[in-house]
Amino acid sequence: GWNLKEAGHCYARTTCPGEFVEPVAEYGRALGSSVTGGVVFRDPAVPKLVGKYIFADFATGHFFAVPAGGGPLEKLVKSKVHPSTFGRDRAGRVYVSDYLSGAVLLIGPPK
């Protein structure tokens, strides 16, 4: 839908032509400006995130979770990472790649 819509809002018009699938969650400019899509979390090592869609904001480093079918947005952490992509291994662990450093980081239980 870009550049007709930004999240659930018409971008530069009062009406948005066409049919769109509405987002299940959105956040305002105070938390970021560039969504990096993620994955549904399946790693049992972090039970509170299992079944939630994990994603982040490239510009601010905020990480978020939302129930996969929609629901309240949960702010997880603000990091120094500029997330460019997410991935999952065979064991269900979730990784994020930092655009600036090139590092691939595991999203796991707190240490």
N, C-alpha and C. Protein backbone atom coordinates (compact mmCIF):
# COMPACT_ATOMS: atom_id res chain seq x y z
N GLY A 1 0.78 -1.20 0.00
CA GLY A 1 0.00 0.00 0.00
C GLY A 1 0.83 1.28 0.00
N TRP A 2 2.12 1.21 0.31
CA TRP A 2 2.92 2.43 0.31
C TRP A 2 3.02 2.92 -1.12
N ASN A 3 2.84 4.09 -1.50
CA ASN A 3 2.69 5.25 -0.68
C ASN A 3 1.25 5.76 -0.58
N LEU A 4 0.31 4.85 -0.64
CA LEU A 4 -1.09 5.23 -0.43
C LEU A 4 -1.47 5.21 1.04
N LYS A 5 -0.90 4.26 1.78
CA LYS A 5 -1.22 4.14 3.20
C LYS A 5 0.06 4.00 4.01
N GLU A 6 -0.03 4.48 5.23
CA GLU A 6 1.03 4.27 6.21
C GLU A 6 0.33 3.72 7.45
N ALA A 7 0.58 2.45 7.74
CA ALA A 7 -0.16 1.72 8.77
C ALA A 7 -1.64 1.74 8.38
N GLY A 8 -2.53 2.14 9.27
CA GLY A 8 -3.95 2.15 8.95
C GLY A 8 -4.46 3.49 8.45
N HIS A 9 -3.55 4.37 8.06
CA HIS A 9 -3.93 5.74 7.71
C HIS A 9 -3.57 6.07 6.26
N CYS A 10 -4.43 6.85 5.61
CA CYS A 10 -4.11 7.33 4.27
C CYS A 10 -2.89 8.24 4.38
N TYR A 11 -1.95 8.08 3.46
CA TYR A 11 -0.68 8.80 3.56
C TYR A 11 -0.80 10.28 3.18
N ALA A 12 -1.23 10.57 1.99
CA ALA A 12 -1.26 11.96 1.54
C ALA A 12 -2.62 12.37 1.01
N ARG A 13 -3.64 11.59 1.32
CA ARG A 13 -4.99 11.84 0.81
C ARG A 13 -5.99 11.65 1.94
N THR A 14 -7.19 12.10 1.68
CA THR A 14 -8.25 11.87 2.66
C THR A 14 -8.90 10.52 2.47
N THR A 15 -8.82 9.96 1.25
CA THR A 15 -9.32 8.61 1.00
C THR A 15 -8.23 7.81 0.31
N CYS A 16 -8.23 6.51 0.57
CA CYS A 16 -7.23 5.63 -0.02
C CYS A 16 -7.91 4.72 -1.04
N PRO A 17 -7.60 4.90 -2.32
CA PRO A 17 -8.22 4.03 -3.32
C PRO A 17 -7.66 2.61 -3.23
N GLY A 18 -8.50 1.62 -3.47
CA GLY A 18 -8.06 0.23 -3.48
C GLY A 18 -8.48 -0.51 -2.22
N GLU A 19 -8.19 -1.81 -2.24
CA GLU A 19 -8.49 -2.66 -1.09
C GLU A 19 -7.18 -3.06 -0.44
N PHE A 20 -7.14 -2.94 0.88
CA PHE A 20 -5.91 -3.22 1.62
C PHE A 20 -6.21 -4.14 2.79
N VAL A 21 -5.23 -4.93 3.17
CA VAL A 21 -5.29 -5.70 4.40
C VAL A 21 -4.75 -4.78 5.49
N GLU A 22 -5.57 -4.50 6.48
CA GLU A 22 -5.16 -3.58 7.54
C GLU A 22 -4.13 -4.24 8.46
N PRO A 23 -3.22 -3.45 9.02
CA PRO A 23 -2.23 -4.00 9.95
C PRO A 23 -2.90 -4.48 11.24
N VAL A 24 -2.28 -5.45 11.91
CA VAL A 24 -2.81 -5.93 13.19
C VAL A 24 -2.32 -5.05 14.33
N ALA A 25 -1.29 -4.22 14.08
CA ALA A 25 -0.77 -3.31 15.10
C ALA A 25 -0.05 -2.17 14.40
N GLU A 26 0.07 -1.06 15.11
CA GLU A 26 0.85 0.06 14.61
C GLU A 26 1.35 0.87 15.79
N TYR A 27 2.36 1.70 15.54
CA TYR A 27 2.89 2.57 16.59
C TYR A 27 3.20 3.93 15.98
N GLY A 28 3.31 4.94 16.86
CA GLY A 28 3.52 6.30 16.41
C GLY A 28 4.98 6.66 16.24
N ARG A 29 5.20 7.86 15.73
CA ARG A 29 6.56 8.36 15.45
C ARG A 29 7.43 8.47 16.69
N ALA A 30 6.84 8.54 17.85
CA ALA A 30 7.65 8.62 19.07
C ALA A 30 8.46 7.35 19.29
N LEU A 31 8.00 6.23 18.73
CA LEU A 31 8.70 4.95 18.89
C LEU A 31 9.51 4.56 17.67
N GLY A 32 9.34 5.23 16.55
CA GLY A 32 10.12 4.88 15.38
C GLY A 32 9.51 5.33 14.09
N SER A 33 10.15 4.92 12.98
CA SER A 33 9.68 5.38 11.67
C SER A 33 9.89 4.39 10.54
N SER A 34 10.46 3.22 10.83
CA SER A 34 10.73 2.28 9.75
C SER A 34 10.64 0.84 10.28
N VAL A 35 9.53 0.18 10.00
CA VAL A 35 9.30 -1.17 10.51
C VAL A 35 10.16 -2.18 9.75
N THR A 36 10.85 -3.02 10.51
CA THR A 36 11.53 -4.19 9.95
C THR A 36 10.69 -5.39 10.36
N GLY A 37 10.08 -6.04 9.37
CA GLY A 37 9.22 -7.19 9.65
C GLY A 37 9.99 -8.32 10.30
N GLY A 38 9.30 -9.11 11.10
CA GLY A 38 9.96 -10.16 11.85
C GLY A 38 9.40 -11.53 11.60
N VAL A 39 9.26 -12.30 12.67
CA VAL A 39 8.80 -13.69 12.60
C VAL A 39 7.91 -13.98 13.80
N VAL A 40 7.11 -15.04 13.70
CA VAL A 40 6.37 -15.53 14.85
C VAL A 40 7.35 -16.34 15.71
N PHE A 41 7.42 -16.00 16.97
CA PHE A 41 8.38 -16.58 17.90
C PHE A 41 7.92 -17.97 18.32
N ARG A 42 8.81 -18.97 18.24
CA ARG A 42 8.47 -20.35 18.60
C ARG A 42 9.46 -20.97 19.58
N ASP A 43 10.48 -20.21 20.00
CA ASP A 43 11.54 -20.74 20.86
C ASP A 43 11.03 -20.92 22.29
N PRO A 44 10.94 -22.16 22.80
CA PRO A 44 10.42 -22.39 24.15
C PRO A 44 11.33 -21.83 25.25
N ALA A 45 12.54 -21.39 24.91
CA ALA A 45 13.44 -20.82 25.91
C ALA A 45 12.92 -19.48 26.44
N VAL A 46 12.00 -18.85 25.68
CA VAL A 46 11.40 -17.58 26.11
C VAL A 46 9.88 -17.74 26.02
N PRO A 47 9.27 -18.45 26.98
CA PRO A 47 7.85 -18.80 26.87
C PRO A 47 6.91 -17.62 26.72
N LYS A 48 7.24 -16.46 27.30
CA LYS A 48 6.32 -15.31 27.22
C LYS A 48 6.19 -14.75 25.81
N LEU A 49 7.12 -15.12 24.91
CA LEU A 49 7.06 -14.63 23.53
C LEU A 49 6.51 -15.66 22.54
N VAL A 50 6.38 -16.91 22.96
CA VAL A 50 5.92 -17.96 22.05
C VAL A 50 4.54 -17.60 21.49
N GLY A 51 4.43 -17.66 20.16
CA GLY A 51 3.18 -17.37 19.47
C GLY A 51 2.99 -15.90 19.15
N LYS A 52 3.95 -15.06 19.53
CA LYS A 52 3.84 -13.63 19.23
C LYS A 52 4.72 -13.29 18.02
N TYR A 53 4.26 -12.30 17.26
CA TYR A 53 5.03 -11.79 16.12
C TYR A 53 6.02 -10.78 16.66
N ILE A 54 7.31 -11.03 16.42
CA ILE A 54 8.39 -10.17 16.90
C ILE A 54 8.88 -9.34 15.72
N PHE A 55 9.00 -8.03 15.92
CA PHE A 55 9.50 -7.15 14.87
C PHE A 55 10.19 -5.96 15.53
N ALA A 56 10.77 -5.08 14.73
CA ALA A 56 11.54 -3.97 15.30
C ALA A 56 11.45 -2.74 14.41
N ASP A 57 11.96 -1.64 14.92
CA ASP A 57 12.05 -0.41 14.15
C ASP A 57 13.52 -0.17 13.80
N PHE A 58 13.79 -0.06 12.51
CA PHE A 58 15.15 0.12 12.01
C PHE A 58 15.79 1.40 12.55
N ALA A 59 15.02 2.47 12.59
CA ALA A 59 15.57 3.78 12.95
C ALA A 59 15.89 3.93 14.44
N THR A 60 15.06 3.37 15.30
CA THR A 60 15.22 3.59 16.74
C THR A 60 15.77 2.39 17.51
N GLY A 61 15.69 1.19 16.93
CA GLY A 61 16.13 0.01 17.65
C GLY A 61 15.12 -0.54 18.63
N HIS A 62 13.89 -0.01 18.64
CA HIS A 62 12.84 -0.57 19.49
C HIS A 62 12.43 -1.94 18.95
N PHE A 63 12.27 -2.91 19.84
CA PHE A 63 11.75 -4.23 19.49
C PHE A 63 10.36 -4.36 20.09
N PHE A 64 9.46 -5.00 19.34
CA PHE A 64 8.06 -5.13 19.73
C PHE A 64 7.59 -6.56 19.57
N ALA A 65 6.48 -6.87 20.25
CA ALA A 65 5.78 -8.15 20.08
C ALA A 65 4.30 -7.85 20.02
N VAL A 66 3.60 -8.65 19.22
CA VAL A 66 2.14 -8.56 19.15
C VAL A 66 1.63 -9.98 18.92
N PRO A 67 0.52 -10.35 19.57
CA PRO A 67 -0.04 -11.68 19.30
C PRO A 67 -0.22 -11.88 17.80
N ALA A 68 0.11 -13.06 17.30
CA ALA A 68 0.10 -13.31 15.85
C ALA A 68 -1.24 -12.99 15.20
N GLY A 69 -2.34 -13.15 15.89
CA GLY A 69 -3.65 -12.84 15.33
C GLY A 69 -4.10 -11.41 15.56
N GLY A 70 -3.26 -10.62 16.19
CA GLY A 70 -3.60 -9.24 16.52
C GLY A 70 -3.84 -9.09 18.00
N GLY A 71 -3.68 -7.89 18.49
CA GLY A 71 -3.87 -7.62 19.91
C GLY A 71 -2.99 -6.48 20.33
N PRO A 72 -2.83 -6.29 21.63
CA PRO A 72 -2.06 -5.14 22.10
C PRO A 72 -0.58 -5.26 21.75
N LEU A 73 0.00 -4.14 21.38
CA LEU A 73 1.42 -4.04 21.07
C LEU A 73 2.21 -4.02 22.36
N GLU A 74 3.26 -4.82 22.43
CA GLU A 74 4.12 -4.87 23.62
C GLU A 74 5.50 -4.36 23.25
N LYS A 75 5.98 -3.33 23.94
CA LYS A 75 7.35 -2.85 23.74
C LYS A 75 8.27 -3.78 24.51
N LEU A 76 9.25 -4.38 23.82
CA LEU A 76 10.15 -5.32 24.46
C LEU A 76 11.41 -4.65 24.98
N VAL A 77 12.13 -3.97 24.09
CA VAL A 77 13.40 -3.37 24.47
C VAL A 77 13.78 -2.31 23.45
N LYS A 78 14.53 -1.32 23.88
CA LYS A 78 15.14 -0.35 22.96
C LYS A 78 16.61 -0.70 22.92
N SER A 79 17.13 -0.96 21.73
CA SER A 79 18.51 -1.39 21.59
C SER A 79 19.29 -0.41 20.72
N LYS A 80 20.57 -0.70 20.55
CA LYS A 80 21.41 0.09 19.64
C LYS A 80 21.51 -0.58 18.28
N VAL A 81 20.76 -1.66 18.11
CA VAL A 81 20.75 -2.43 16.86
C VAL A 81 19.90 -1.70 15.81
N HIS A 82 20.35 -1.74 14.57
CA HIS A 82 19.54 -1.28 13.43
C HIS A 82 19.10 -2.54 12.69
N PRO A 83 17.96 -3.13 13.11
CA PRO A 83 17.55 -4.43 12.58
C PRO A 83 17.19 -4.36 11.11
N SER A 84 17.83 -5.23 10.31
CA SER A 84 17.54 -5.25 8.87
C SER A 84 16.77 -6.49 8.45
N THR A 85 16.88 -7.57 9.22
CA THR A 85 16.14 -8.79 8.88
C THR A 85 16.09 -9.71 10.10
N PHE A 86 15.09 -10.58 10.11
CA PHE A 86 14.95 -11.59 11.14
C PHE A 86 15.02 -12.96 10.49
N GLY A 87 15.40 -13.97 11.27
CA GLY A 87 15.41 -15.35 10.78
C GLY A 87 15.22 -16.30 11.93
N ARG A 88 14.98 -17.56 11.58
CA ARG A 88 14.75 -18.59 12.57
C ARG A 88 15.52 -19.83 12.16
N ASP A 89 16.14 -20.53 13.11
CA ASP A 89 16.84 -21.77 12.78
C ASP A 89 15.92 -22.97 12.99
N ARG A 90 16.43 -24.17 12.72
CA ARG A 90 15.61 -25.38 12.82
C ARG A 90 15.07 -25.63 14.22
N ALA A 91 15.80 -25.14 15.22
CA ALA A 91 15.37 -25.34 16.61
C ALA A 91 14.35 -24.30 17.05
N GLY A 92 14.04 -23.33 16.19
CA GLY A 92 13.05 -22.31 16.51
C GLY A 92 13.64 -21.04 17.12
N ARG A 93 14.97 -21.01 17.30
CA ARG A 93 15.58 -19.80 17.84
C ARG A 93 15.48 -18.67 16.82
N VAL A 94 15.31 -17.45 17.31
CA VAL A 94 15.13 -16.27 16.45
C VAL A 94 16.39 -15.42 16.47
N TYR A 95 16.76 -14.95 15.29
CA TYR A 95 17.95 -14.11 15.12
C TYR A 95 17.56 -12.82 14.43
N VAL A 96 18.34 -11.77 14.69
CA VAL A 96 18.17 -10.50 14.01
C VAL A 96 19.54 -10.06 13.50
N SER A 97 19.57 -9.44 12.34
CA SER A 97 20.81 -8.94 11.77
C SER A 97 20.88 -7.43 11.96
N ASP A 98 22.04 -6.96 12.43
CA ASP A 98 22.27 -5.52 12.61
C ASP A 98 22.87 -4.96 11.33
N TYR A 99 22.18 -4.03 10.71
CA TYR A 99 22.59 -3.45 9.44
C TYR A 99 23.97 -2.78 9.52
N LEU A 100 24.23 -2.06 10.60
CA LEU A 100 25.48 -1.30 10.69
C LEU A 100 26.71 -2.18 10.93
N SER A 101 26.60 -3.13 11.85
CA SER A 101 27.77 -3.96 12.18
C SER A 101 27.84 -5.24 11.36
N GLY A 102 26.70 -5.67 10.80
CA GLY A 102 26.65 -6.95 10.09
C GLY A 102 26.50 -8.14 11.02
N ALA A 103 26.44 -7.88 12.33
CA ALA A 103 26.31 -8.96 13.31
C ALA A 103 24.95 -9.64 13.20
N VAL A 104 24.94 -10.95 13.45
CA VAL A 104 23.70 -11.72 13.56
C VAL A 104 23.56 -12.07 15.02
N LEU A 105 22.46 -11.62 15.63
CA LEU A 105 22.28 -11.72 17.07
C LEU A 105 21.12 -12.62 17.42
N LEU A 106 21.31 -13.45 18.43
CA LEU A 106 20.27 -14.35 18.93
C LEU A 106 19.33 -13.59 19.84
N ILE A 107 18.03 -13.75 19.63
CA ILE A 107 17.04 -13.20 20.57
C ILE A 107 16.68 -14.35 21.49
N GLY A 108 17.14 -14.26 22.74
CA GLY A 108 16.97 -15.37 23.66
C GLY A 108 16.59 -14.90 25.04
N PRO A 109 16.65 -15.81 25.99
CA PRO A 109 16.27 -15.46 27.36
C PRO A 109 17.26 -14.47 27.96
N PRO A 110 16.79 -13.62 28.87
CA PRO A 110 17.70 -12.68 29.53
C PRO A 110 18.78 -13.44 30.30
N LYS A 111 19.95 -12.86 30.35
CA LYS A 111 21.07 -13.50 31.10
C LYS A 111 21.18 -12.93 32.48
